[in-house]
Amino acid sequence: MTEASPDDLERWIASFRGPLVGLLASWGLDWRAAEEIAQDAFAEAWVGRARFTAEPGDLDAVGAWLRGIAFNLWRADQRQRDRRGAKPIDAPAAAQLAAPSSEPFDEHGEHRAVLVEAFADLSETFQTVLRMHYIEESSA
């Protein structure tokens, strides 16, 4: 078995950054918190790379390992919120899609209010998929 190299870490980040952020966001975190926990998952994976039992090039195994690390970090975050009495982050989907703007049109000439309203009418699953594809640029 080969220990992961810095090149492996770069490949992992390129392959799993978007999907991990999207997964964490689908569990109720805002995008900033999801990005932070995803970064922490990569850091934990790198620090604990000697414990990884599969080959670093086996992306299926790496993905499962990273999702497990991300899940454990997310649960730890939720426990901290519970201890502080804070409510889980639940930003409205429309606010995540488009920041407030004095302009009724976005940079592409689209009417912002129509897009925000249409997005809000979608199910949570479809909203997550669209965020992952268009904001995080995750592949299908």
Foldseek 3Di string as FASTA:
>chain_A
DDFDDVVLLVVLCVQPQLVQLLVLVLVAAASVVSNVLLVVLSVVCNVPSVVQDDDSVPNVSVNVSSNVSSVVSSVVVVVVCVVVVHDGHHDQLLCSVDPDDPDQADPVRHRSVVVSVVLNPDDSVVSSVCCSCPVVVHDD
